[in-house]
Amino acid sequence: MNRLITLFTTALLLFSCGNGDERADGYGNFEAVSTIVSAEGNGKIQSFKLEEGDHIKKDAVVGYIDTLQLKLKMDQLRASESVISSKSAGVLSQISVLKAQLKTAAISKTRIENLLKDGAATQQQLDDINGKIDVLDQQIRSIEIQNASVISELKSIDAQIKQIEDQIAKSVIINPVDGDVLVKYAEPFEITAFGKPLYKIADMSTMELRVFVSETQLSTIKVGQEVTVKVDQGDNMKSYKGTIAWISSEAEFTPKIIQTKEERVNLVYAVKVRVKNDGSLKIGMPAEMWLNAK
């Protein structure tokens, strides 16, 4: 609806005025790039320190969401991790004992093999030591399989802990951009949820004037071109330097309301002019664009 009103106003100014030199090259309203900051956690808003109109720096902490339930879940997972870790330590201890026995058995096998060559040992002794080595190998493999499931469980708990740590970190409300608070959607002690809007903020240091120009004016403008932007200031006009930042590639028909049949076929193109704000420019403020050549 706002876009229709803007387009209607622009078309009225474009086509109702004469072709004299005192006519501006474009008319429109100022806009600003705004960001809606939403909650990244669920729970009660414990603190929310901002008001509409406040200027907030990027990365400033403006509040936080209650994390008690997350903390309790974290404590529970860490307790489980401790129990499973002790179980894994016991399994690893058994493996160490068996590997020590296997090493001793391997030394005995080498000794028996040497004695067997000299006729000082029997084949039965060698078979016995080989059997013992096989048993130890099987025991080690069996315990390692058990330990693999324990390690897998530990990895699962570790992933859950990291997930909760991330949720706790995102419960802190951090402002993403420098700007002024336009709208505040929540208050302290309200219950919020993931994705629920908290406030809207806009960078007002540079404003964008969205104007509409006629089809015949396209040949006289280009991206990067410097223009003059004028706004009302009492009985006079205040001028700003502006730069054309974007020109629409698609034409739009002028509104049909209050237009004559001939004027309905006229096309306009949206243009964005970037203007450095000295603090006086506001969102929605009307302004004129003048090409510097004029």
C-alpha atoms as a PDB file:
ATOM      1  CA  MET A   1       0.000   0.000   0.000  1.00  0.00           C
ATOM      2  CA  ASN A   2       2.845   2.414   0.924  1.00  0.00           C
ATOM      3  CA  ARG A   3       4.583   1.569  -2.350  1.00  0.00           C
ATOM      4  CA  LEU A   4       1.367   2.361  -4.273  1.00  0.00           C
ATOM      5  CA  ILE A   5       1.008   5.699  -2.498  1.00  0.00           C
ATOM      6  CA  THR A   6       4.651   6.583  -3.257  1.00  0.00           C
ATOM      7  CA  LEU A   7       4.266   5.579  -6.886  1.00  0.00           C
ATOM      8  CA  PHE A   8       1.000   7.505  -7.127  1.00  0.00           C
ATOM      9  CA  THR A   9       2.547  10.654  -5.633  1.00  0.00           C
ATOM     10  CA  THR A  10       5.564  10.377  -7.898  1.00  0.00           C
ATOM     11  CA  ALA A  11       3.488   9.899 -11.015  1.00  0.00           C
ATOM     12  CA  LEU A  12       1.333  12.868 -10.113  1.00  0.00           C
ATOM     13  CA  LEU A  13       4.403  15.072  -9.736  1.00  0.00           C
ATOM     14  CA  LEU A  14       6.062  13.718 -12.866  1.00  0.00           C
ATOM     15  CA  PHE A  15       3.180  14.161 -15.205  1.00  0.00           C
ATOM     16  CA  SER A  16       1.142  17.038 -13.771  1.00  0.00           C
ATOM     17  CA  CYS A  17       4.029  19.524 -13.830  1.00  0.00           C
ATOM     18  CA  GLY A  18       5.249  21.320 -16.911  1.00  0.00           C
ATOM     19  CA  ASN A  19       8.534  20.765 -18.673  1.00  0.00           C
ATOM     20  CA  GLY A  20      10.208  23.892 -17.323  1.00  0.00           C
ATOM     21  CA  ASP A  21      13.733  23.986 -15.939  1.00  0.00           C
ATOM     22  CA  GLU A  22      12.443  24.462 -12.370  1.00  0.00           C
ATOM     23  CA  ARG A  23      11.057  20.957 -12.251  1.00  0.00           C
ATOM     24  CA  ALA A  24      13.068  18.310 -10.344  1.00  0.00           C
ATOM     25  CA  ASP A  25      14.225  15.212 -12.175  1.00  0.00           C
ATOM     26  CA  GLY A  26      12.736  12.813  -9.633  1.00  0.00           C
ATOM     27  CA  TYR A  27      10.580  12.713  -6.533  1.00  0.00           C
ATOM     28  CA  GLY A  28      10.421  10.133  -3.782  1.00  0.00           C
ATOM     29  CA  ASN A  29      10.901   9.263  -0.137  1.00  0.00           C
ATOM     30  CA  PHE A  30      13.869   8.246   1.986  1.00  0.00           C
ATOM     31  CA  GLU A  31      14.381   4.625   3.010  1.00  0.00           C
ATOM     32  CA  ALA A  32      16.924   2.867   5.204  1.00  0.00           C
ATOM     33  CA  VAL A  33      18.171  -0.699   5.241  1.00  0.00           C
ATOM     34  CA  SER A  34      16.554  -2.216   8.310  1.00  0.00           C
ATOM     35  CA  THR A  35      17.198  -5.487  10.138  1.00  0.00           C
ATOM     36  CA  ILE A  36      14.688  -7.363  12.266  1.00  0.00           C
ATOM     37  CA  VAL A  37      16.562  -9.023  15.126  1.00  0.00           C
ATOM     38  CA  SER A  38      14.852 -12.233  16.252  1.00  0.00           C
ATOM     39  CA  ALA A  39      15.324 -14.514  19.238  1.00  0.00           C
ATOM     40  CA  GLU A  40      17.673 -17.465  18.767  1.00  0.00           C
ATOM     41  CA  GLY A  41      16.533 -19.224  21.925  1.00  0.00           C
ATOM     42  CA  ASN A  42      13.404 -20.175  23.851  1.00  0.00           C
ATOM     43  CA  GLY A  43      12.428 -18.956  27.310  1.00  0.00           C
ATOM     44  CA  LYS A  44      11.862 -15.882  29.445  1.00  0.00           C
ATOM     45  CA  ILE A  45      13.639 -12.653  28.522  1.00  0.00           C
ATOM     46  CA  GLN A  46      15.611 -11.899  31.673  1.00  0.00           C
ATOM     47  CA  SER A  47      17.090  -8.624  30.443  1.00  0.00           C
ATOM     48  CA  PHE A  48      16.373  -6.379  27.451  1.00  0.00           C
ATOM     49  CA  LYS A  49      18.083  -2.980  27.621  1.00  0.00           C
ATOM     50  CA  LEU A  50      16.983  -0.895  24.653  1.00  0.00           C
ATOM     51  CA  GLU A  51      14.257   1.554  23.727  1.00  0.00           C
ATOM     52  CA  GLU A  52      12.940   2.875  20.440  1.00  0.00           C
ATOM     53  CA  GLY A  53      15.202   5.656  19.180  1.00  0.00           C
ATOM     54  CA  ASP A  54      18.323   4.320  20.922  1.00  0.00           C
ATOM     55  CA  HIS A  55      21.516   4.226  18.867  1.00  0.00           C
ATOM     56  CA  ILE A  56      23.244   0.887  19.397  1.00  0.00           C
ATOM     57  CA  LYS A  57      26.704  -0.191  18.317  1.00  0.00           C
ATOM     58  CA  LYS A  58      27.400  -3.414  16.490  1.00  0.00           C
ATOM     59  CA  ASP A  59      28.117  -6.430  18.770  1.00  0.00           C
ATOM     60  CA  ALA A  60      26.644  -4.663  21.809  1.00  0.00           C
ATOM     61  CA  VAL A  61      24.896  -6.997  24.281  1.00  0.00           C
ATOM     62  CA  VAL A  62      21.315  -5.762  24.675  1.00  0.00           C
ATOM     63  CA  GLY A  63      19.843  -8.596  26.725  1.00  0.00           C
ATOM     64  CA  TYR A  64      19.680 -12.317  27.381  1.00  0.00           C
ATOM     65  CA  ILE A  65      17.170 -15.149  27.588  1.00  0.00           C
ATOM     66  CA  ASP A  66      16.894 -17.434  30.622  1.00  0.00           C
ATOM     67  CA  THR A  67      19.226 -20.463  30.334  1.00  0.00           C
ATOM     68  CA  LEU A  68      18.434 -22.342  33.571  1.00  0.00           C
ATOM     69  CA  GLN A  69      16.948 -25.394  31.835  1.00  0.00           C
ATOM     70  CA  LEU A  70      19.870 -25.530  29.421  1.00  0.00           C
ATOM     71  CA  LYS A  71      22.317 -25.364  32.339  1.00  0.00           C
ATOM     72  CA  LEU A  72      20.556 -28.241  34.119  1.00  0.00           C
ATOM     73  CA  LYS A  73      20.634 -30.332  30.952  1.00  0.00           C
ATOM     74  CA  MET A  74      24.325 -29.531  30.582  1.00  0.00           C
ATOM     75  CA  ASP A  75      25.040 -30.706  34.150  1.00  0.00           C
ATOM     76  CA  GLN A  76      23.168 -33.942  33.470  1.00  0.00           C
ATOM     77  CA  LEU A  77      25.154 -34.634  30.308  1.00  0.00           C
ATOM     78  CA  ARG A  78      28.475 -33.894  32.006  1.00  0.00           C
ATOM     79  CA  ALA A  79      27.593 -36.335  34.817  1.00  0.00           C
ATOM     80  CA  SER A  80      26.798 -39.030  32.247  1.00  0.00           C
ATOM     81  CA  GLU A  81      30.020 -38.230  30.436  1.00  0.00           C
ATOM     82  CA  SER A  82      31.984 -38.680  33.668  1.00  0.00           C
ATOM     83  CA  VAL A  83      30.423 -42.103  34.344  1.00  0.00           C
ATOM     84  CA  ILE A  84      31.037 -43.340  30.801  1.00  0.00           C
ATOM     85  CA  SER A  85      34.587 -41.989  30.811  1.00  0.00           C
ATOM     86  CA  SER A  86      35.380 -43.958  33.970  1.00  0.00           C
ATOM     87  CA  LYS A  87      33.925 -47.062  32.303  1.00  0.00           C
ATOM     88  CA  SER A  88      36.126 -46.459  29.269  1.00  0.00           C
ATOM     89  CA  ALA A  89      39.139 -45.986  31.514  1.00  0.00           C
ATOM     90  CA  GLY A  90      38.465 -49.400  33.093  1.00  0.00           C
ATOM     91  CA  VAL A  91      38.225 -51.026  29.673  1.00  0.00           C
ATOM     92  CA  LEU A  92      41.462 -49.405  28.552  1.00  0.00           C
ATOM     93  CA  SER A  93      43.137 -50.646  31.738  1.00  0.00           C
ATOM     94  CA  GLN A  94      42.098 -54.224  30.922  1.00  0.00           C
ATOM     95  CA  ILE A  95      43.491 -53.850  27.410  1.00  0.00           C
ATOM     96  CA  SER A  96      46.804 -52.602  28.830  1.00  0.00           C
ATOM     97  CA  VAL A  97      47.069 -55.661  31.119  1.00  0.00           C
ATOM     98  CA  LEU A  98      46.295 -58.050  28.264  1.00  0.00           C
ATOM     99  CA  LYS A  99      48.788 -56.358  25.956  1.00  0.00           C
ATOM    100  CA  ALA A 100      51.466 -56.694  28.644  1.00  0.00           C
ATOM    101  CA  GLN A 101      50.670 -60.411  28.935  1.00  0.00           C
ATOM    102  CA  LEU A 102      50.778 -60.694  25.133  1.00  0.00           C
ATOM    103  CA  LYS A 103      54.187 -59.091  25.060  1.00  0.00           C
ATOM    104  CA  THR A 104      55.474 -61.525  27.675  1.00  0.00           C
ATOM    105  CA  ALA A 105      53.978 -64.437  25.746  1.00  0.00           C
ATOM    106  CA  ALA A 106      55.681 -63.265  22.540  1.00  0.00           C
ATOM    107  CA  ILE A 107      59.045 -63.216  24.346  1.00  0.00           C
ATOM    108  CA  SER A 108      58.411 -66.731  25.683  1.00  0.00           C
ATOM    109  CA  LYS A 109      57.522 -67.925  22.178  1.00  0.00           C
ATOM    110  CA  THR A 110      60.814 -66.621  20.794  1.00  0.00           C
ATOM    111  CA  ARG A 111      62.713 -68.341  23.610  1.00  0.00           C
ATOM    112  CA  ILE A 112      60.909 -71.678  23.054  1.00  0.00           C
ATOM    113  CA  GLU A 113      61.526 -71.480  19.302  1.00  0.00           C
ATOM    114  CA  ASN A 114      65.277 -71.074  19.953  1.00  0.00           C
ATOM    115  CA  LEU A 115      65.281 -73.937  22.476  1.00  0.00           C
ATOM    116  CA  LEU A 116      63.356 -76.096  20.042  1.00  0.00           C
ATOM    117  CA  LYS A 117      66.093 -75.638  17.455  1.00  0.00           C
ATOM    118  CA  ASP A 118      68.659 -76.884  19.997  1.00  0.00           C
ATOM    119  CA  GLY A 119      66.396 -79.769  21.042  1.00  0.00           C
ATOM    120  CA  ALA A 120      65.932 -78.294  24.529  1.00  0.00           C
ATOM    121  CA  ALA A 121      62.162 -77.716  24.136  1.00  0.00           C
ATOM    122  CA  THR A 122      59.218 -79.660  22.759  1.00  0.00           C
ATOM    123  CA  GLN A 123      56.701 -78.909  20.059  1.00  0.00           C
ATOM    124  CA  GLN A 124      53.989 -79.120  22.720  1.00  0.00           C
ATOM    125  CA  GLN A 125      55.508 -76.170  24.559  1.00  0.00           C
ATOM    126  CA  LEU A 126      55.499 -74.121  21.344  1.00  0.00           C
ATOM    127  CA  ASP A 127      51.883 -75.085  20.628  1.00  0.00           C
ATOM    128  CA  ASP A 128      50.862 -74.111  24.148  1.00  0.00           C
ATOM    129  CA  ILE A 129      52.455 -70.664  23.885  1.00  0.00           C
ATOM    130  CA  ASN A 130      50.882 -70.094  20.446  1.00  0.00           C
ATOM    131  CA  GLY A 131      47.503 -71.018  21.885  1.00  0.00           C
ATOM    132  CA  LYS A 132      47.992 -68.603  24.758  1.00  0.00           C
ATOM    133  CA  ILE A 133      48.868 -65.811  22.301  1.00  0.00           C
ATOM    134  CA  ASP A 134      45.759 -66.518  20.238  1.00  0.00           C
ATOM    135  CA  VAL A 135      43.567 -66.348  23.358  1.00  0.00           C
ATOM    136  CA  LEU A 136      45.108 -63.035  24.391  1.00  0.00           C
ATOM    137  CA  ASP A 137      44.574 -61.602  20.895  1.00  0.00           C
ATOM    138  CA  GLN A 138      40.906 -62.602  20.963  1.00  0.00           C
ATOM    139  CA  GLN A 139      40.411 -61.109  24.422  1.00  0.00           C
ATOM    140  CA  ILE A 140      41.989 -57.828  23.340  1.00  0.00           C
ATOM    141  CA  ARG A 141      39.813 -57.632  20.200  1.00  0.00           C
ATOM    142  CA  SER A 142      36.677 -58.394  22.225  1.00  0.00           C
ATOM    143  CA  ILE A 143      37.407 -55.660  24.773  1.00  0.00           C
ATOM    144  CA  GLU A 144      38.319 -53.169  22.007  1.00  0.00           C
ATOM    145  CA  ILE A 145      34.898 -53.787  20.415  1.00  0.00           C
ATOM    146  CA  GLN A 146      33.268 -53.038  23.776  1.00  0.00           C
ATOM    147  CA  ASN A 147      35.330 -49.896  24.118  1.00  0.00           C
ATOM    148  CA  ALA A 148      34.336 -48.745  20.609  1.00  0.00           C
ATOM    149  CA  SER A 149      30.685 -48.577  21.689  1.00  0.00           C
ATOM    150  CA  VAL A 150      31.709 -46.649  24.805  1.00  0.00           C
ATOM    151  CA  ILE A 151      33.702 -44.165  22.691  1.00  0.00           C
ATOM    152  CA  SER A 152      30.735 -43.779  20.327  1.00  0.00           C
ATOM    153  CA  GLU A 153      28.512 -42.976  23.308  1.00  0.00           C
ATOM    154  CA  LEU A 154      31.017 -40.409  24.555  1.00  0.00           C
ATOM    155  CA  LYS A 155      31.082 -38.742  21.114  1.00  0.00           C
ATOM    156  CA  SER A 156      27.276 -38.545  21.140  1.00  0.00           C
ATOM    157  CA  ILE A 157      27.269 -36.876  24.566  1.00  0.00           C
ATOM    158  CA  ASP A 158      30.036 -34.500  23.485  1.00  0.00           C
ATOM    159  CA  ALA A 159      27.955 -33.444  20.457  1.00  0.00           C
ATOM    160  CA  GLN A 160      24.939 -32.808  22.709  1.00  0.00           C
ATOM    161  CA  ILE A 161      27.076 -30.720  25.068  1.00  0.00           C
ATOM    162  CA  LYS A 162      28.363 -28.604  22.162  1.00  0.00           C
ATOM    163  CA  GLN A 163      24.801 -28.125  20.947  1.00  0.00           C
ATOM    164  CA  ILE A 164      23.686 -26.860  24.358  1.00  0.00           C
ATOM    165  CA  GLU A 165      26.752 -24.618  24.608  1.00  0.00           C
ATOM    166  CA  ASP A 166      25.722 -23.087  21.275  1.00  0.00           C
ATOM    167  CA  GLN A 167      22.151 -22.595  22.527  1.00  0.00           C
ATOM    168  CA  ILE A 168      23.435 -20.908  25.693  1.00  0.00           C
ATOM    169  CA  ALA A 169      25.671 -18.613  23.627  1.00  0.00           C
ATOM    170  CA  LYS A 170      22.722 -17.680  21.382  1.00  0.00           C
ATOM    171  CA  SER A 171      20.600 -16.870  24.426  1.00  0.00           C
ATOM    172  CA  VAL A 172      22.670 -13.692  24.701  1.00  0.00           C
ATOM    173  CA  ILE A 173      21.026 -11.035  22.496  1.00  0.00           C
ATOM    174  CA  ILE A 174      23.800  -9.347  20.520  1.00  0.00           C
ATOM    175  CA  ASN A 175      23.070  -6.406  18.235  1.00  0.00           C
ATOM    176  CA  PRO A 176      24.228  -7.265  14.677  1.00  0.00           C
ATOM    177  CA  VAL A 177      24.641  -3.778  13.138  1.00  0.00           C
ATOM    178  CA  ASP A 178      25.268  -0.147  14.033  1.00  0.00           C
ATOM    179  CA  GLY A 179      21.972   1.705  13.916  1.00  0.00           C
ATOM    180  CA  ASP A 180      18.924   3.224  15.543  1.00  0.00           C
ATOM    181  CA  VAL A 181      16.128   1.144  17.056  1.00  0.00           C
ATOM    182  CA  LEU A 182      12.974   1.699  14.998  1.00  0.00           C
ATOM    183  CA  VAL A 183      10.536  -0.684  16.673  1.00  0.00           C
ATOM    184  CA  LYS A 184      10.684  -2.711  19.882  1.00  0.00           C
ATOM    185  CA  TYR A 185       8.584  -5.880  19.764  1.00  0.00           C
ATOM    186  CA  ALA A 186       9.314  -7.447  23.174  1.00  0.00           C
ATOM    187  CA  GLU A 187       9.738  -6.486  26.820  1.00  0.00           C
ATOM    188  CA  PRO A 188      11.693  -7.993  29.750  1.00  0.00           C
ATOM    189  CA  PHE A 189      10.123 -11.057  31.422  1.00  0.00           C
ATOM    190  CA  GLU A 190       8.056 -11.940  28.363  1.00  0.00           C
ATOM    191  CA  ILE A 191       8.308 -15.470  27.005  1.00  0.00           C
ATOM    192  CA  THR A 192       9.949 -15.637  23.609  1.00  0.00           C
ATOM    193  CA  ALA A 193      10.700 -18.394  21.125  1.00  0.00           C
ATOM    194  CA  PHE A 194      13.208 -19.125  18.386  1.00  0.00           C
ATOM    195  CA  GLY A 195      12.607 -16.820  15.420  1.00  0.00           C
ATOM    196  CA  LYS A 196      10.271 -14.437  17.264  1.00  0.00           C
ATOM    197  CA  PRO A 197      11.088 -10.767  16.431  1.00  0.00           C
ATOM    198  CA  LEU A 198      12.586  -8.721  19.263  1.00  0.00           C
ATOM    199  CA  TYR A 199      13.299  -5.361  17.619  1.00  0.00           C
ATOM    200  CA  LYS A 200      13.950  -3.638  14.300  1.00  0.00           C
ATOM    201  CA  ILE A 201      17.103  -1.602  13.749  1.00  0.00           C
ATOM    202  CA  ALA A 202      18.285   0.467  10.801  1.00  0.00           C
ATOM    203  CA  ASP A 203      21.593   2.047   9.835  1.00  0.00           C
ATOM    204  CA  MET A 204      20.629   5.704   9.480  1.00  0.00           C
ATOM    205  CA  SER A 205      24.128   6.989   8.680  1.00  0.00           C
ATOM    206  CA  THR A 206      23.443   6.564   4.960  1.00  0.00           C
ATOM    207  CA  MET A 207      19.918   6.924   3.593  1.00  0.00           C
ATOM    208  CA  GLU A 208      18.492   5.795   0.275  1.00  0.00           C
ATOM    209  CA  LEU A 209      16.152   8.057  -1.645  1.00  0.00           C
ATOM    210  CA  ARG A 210      13.854   5.952  -3.811  1.00  0.00           C
ATOM    211  CA  VAL A 211      12.606   8.019  -6.742  1.00  0.00           C
ATOM    212  CA  PHE A 212      10.866   7.257 -10.011  1.00  0.00           C
ATOM    213  CA  VAL A 213      11.985   8.680 -13.319  1.00  0.00           C
ATOM    214  CA  SER A 214      10.278   8.641 -16.686  1.00  0.00           C
ATOM    215  CA  GLU A 215      11.414   6.455 -19.551  1.00  0.00           C
ATOM    216  CA  THR A 216      12.878   9.440 -21.410  1.00  0.00           C
ATOM    217  CA  GLN A 217      15.149  10.303 -18.458  1.00  0.00           C
ATOM    218  CA  LEU A 218      16.981   6.959 -18.405  1.00  0.00           C
ATOM    219  CA  SER A 219      19.541   8.074 -20.966  1.00  0.00           C
ATOM    220  CA  THR A 220      20.650  10.928 -18.673  1.00  0.00           C
ATOM    221  CA  ILE A 221      21.401   8.869 -15.556  1.00  0.00           C
ATOM    222  CA  LYS A 222      23.727   6.012 -14.651  1.00  0.00           C
ATOM    223  CA  VAL A 223      24.898   4.121 -11.557  1.00  0.00           C
ATOM    224  CA  GLY A 224      27.634   6.022  -9.706  1.00  0.00           C
ATOM    225  CA  GLN A 225      26.485   9.395 -11.024  1.00  0.00           C
ATOM    226  CA  GLU A 226      26.465  12.279  -8.541  1.00  0.00           C
ATOM    227  CA  VAL A 227      23.199  14.170  -8.126  1.00  0.00           C
ATOM    228  CA  THR A 228      21.745  16.793  -5.824  1.00  0.00           C
ATOM    229  CA  VAL A 229      19.035  15.853  -3.351  1.00  0.00           C
ATOM    230  CA  LYS A 230      16.805  18.555  -1.905  1.00  0.00           C
ATOM    231  CA  VAL A 231      14.472  18.452   1.103  1.00  0.00           C
ATOM    232  CA  ASP A 232      12.164  21.035   2.605  1.00  0.00           C
ATOM    233  CA  GLN A 233      13.669  23.204   5.339  1.00  0.00           C
ATOM    234  CA  GLY A 234      11.215  25.848   6.405  1.00  0.00           C
ATOM    235  CA  ASP A 235      10.560  28.154   3.453  1.00  0.00           C
ATOM    236  CA  ASN A 236      13.716  27.003   1.670  1.00  0.00           C
ATOM    237  CA  MET A 237      15.246  23.784   0.368  1.00  0.00           C
ATOM    238  CA  LYS A 238      18.275  22.067   1.906  1.00  0.00           C
ATOM    239  CA  SER A 239      20.651  20.362  -0.512  1.00  0.00           C
ATOM    240  CA  TYR A 240      22.664  17.156  -0.115  1.00  0.00           C
ATOM    241  CA  LYS A 241      25.119  15.360  -2.327  1.00  0.00           C
ATOM    242  CA  GLY A 242      23.839  12.020  -3.532  1.00  0.00           C
ATOM    243  CA  THR A 243      25.047   9.105  -5.635  1.00  0.00           C
ATOM    244  CA  ILE A 244      22.866   6.897  -7.795  1.00  0.00           C
ATOM    245  CA  ALA A 245      23.321   3.385  -6.415  1.00  0.00           C
ATOM    246  CA  TRP A 246      20.727   1.377  -8.364  1.00  0.00           C
ATOM    247  CA  ILE A 247      18.459   1.688 -11.379  1.00  0.00           C
ATOM    248  CA  SER A 248      15.625  -0.764 -11.861  1.00  0.00           C
ATOM    249  CA  SER A 249      15.841  -2.949 -14.940  1.00  0.00           C
ATOM    250  CA  GLU A 250      12.062  -3.254 -15.106  1.00  0.00           C
ATOM    251  CA  ALA A 251       9.564  -0.542 -15.916  1.00  0.00           C
ATOM    252  CA  GLU A 252       6.396   0.070 -13.950  1.00  0.00           C
ATOM    253  CA  PHE A 253       3.136   1.531 -15.245  1.00  0.00           C
ATOM    254  CA  THR A 254       1.956   4.681 -13.540  1.00  0.00           C
ATOM    255  CA  PRO A 255      -1.122   4.150 -11.330  1.00  0.00           C
ATOM    256  CA  LYS A 256      -4.414   4.161 -13.176  1.00  0.00           C
ATOM    257  CA  ILE A 257      -6.160   6.320 -10.599  1.00  0.00           C
ATOM    258  CA  ILE A 258      -6.648  10.003 -11.530  1.00  0.00           C
ATOM    259  CA  GLN A 259      -4.592   9.483 -14.683  1.00  0.00           C
ATOM    260  CA  THR A 260      -5.967  10.241 -18.108  1.00  0.00           C
ATOM    261  CA  LYS A 261      -6.229   7.487 -20.677  1.00  0.00           C
ATOM    262  CA  GLU A 262      -3.141   8.797 -22.492  1.00  0.00           C
ATOM    263  CA  GLU A 263      -1.026   9.007 -19.340  1.00  0.00           C
ATOM    264  CA  ARG A 264      -1.756   5.402 -18.341  1.00  0.00           C
ATOM    265  CA  VAL A 265       0.656   4.136 -20.978  1.00  0.00           C
ATOM    266  CA  ASN A 266       3.580   6.069 -19.434  1.00  0.00           C
ATOM    267  CA  LEU A 267       6.293   4.012 -17.736  1.00  0.00           C
ATOM    268  CA  VAL A 268       8.482   4.917 -14.778  1.00  0.00           C
ATOM    269  CA  TYR A 269      11.666   3.321 -13.424  1.00  0.00           C
ATOM    270  CA  ALA A 270      12.696   3.089  -9.780  1.00  0.00           C
ATOM    271  CA  VAL A 271      16.048   4.632  -8.853  1.00  0.00           C
ATOM    272  CA  LYS A 272      17.890   4.555  -5.518  1.00  0.00           C
ATOM    273  CA  VAL A 273      20.087   7.496  -4.545  1.00  0.00           C
ATOM    274  CA  ARG A 274      22.468   7.067  -1.624  1.00  0.00           C
ATOM    275  CA  VAL A 275      22.799  10.137   0.634  1.00  0.00           C
ATOM    276  CA  LYS A 276      25.036  10.696   3.663  1.00  0.00           C
ATOM    277  CA  ASN A 277      22.813  11.536   6.622  1.00  0.00           C
ATOM    278  CA  ASP A 278      23.726  14.499   8.803  1.00  0.00           C
ATOM    279  CA  GLY A 279      21.063  13.506  11.308  1.00  0.00           C
ATOM    280  CA  SER A 280      18.255  15.479   9.699  1.00  0.00           C
ATOM    281  CA  LEU A 281      17.042  12.837   7.259  1.00  0.00           C
ATOM    282  CA  LYS A 282      14.314  10.468   8.414  1.00  0.00           C
ATOM    283  CA  ILE A 283      12.633   7.400   6.955  1.00  0.00           C
ATOM    284  CA  GLY A 284       9.653   8.389   4.794  1.00  0.00           C
ATOM    285  CA  MET A 285      10.781  12.009   4.384  1.00  0.00           C
ATOM    286  CA  PRO A 286       9.942  13.320   0.876  1.00  0.00           C
ATOM    287  CA  ALA A 287      12.748  14.670  -1.276  1.00  0.00           C
ATOM    288  CA  GLU A 288      13.646  15.731  -4.793  1.00  0.00           C
ATOM    289  CA  MET A 289      16.441  14.511  -7.032  1.00  0.00           C
ATOM    290  CA  TRP A 290      18.133  17.048  -9.306  1.00  0.00           C
ATOM    291  CA  LEU A 291      20.697  16.100 -11.894  1.00  0.00           C
ATOM    292  CA  ASN A 292      23.796  18.216 -11.387  1.00  0.00           C
ATOM    293  CA  ALA A 293      23.947  19.006 -15.100  1.00  0.00           C
ATOM    294  CA  LYS A 294      20.810  21.112 -14.682  1.00  0.00           C
END
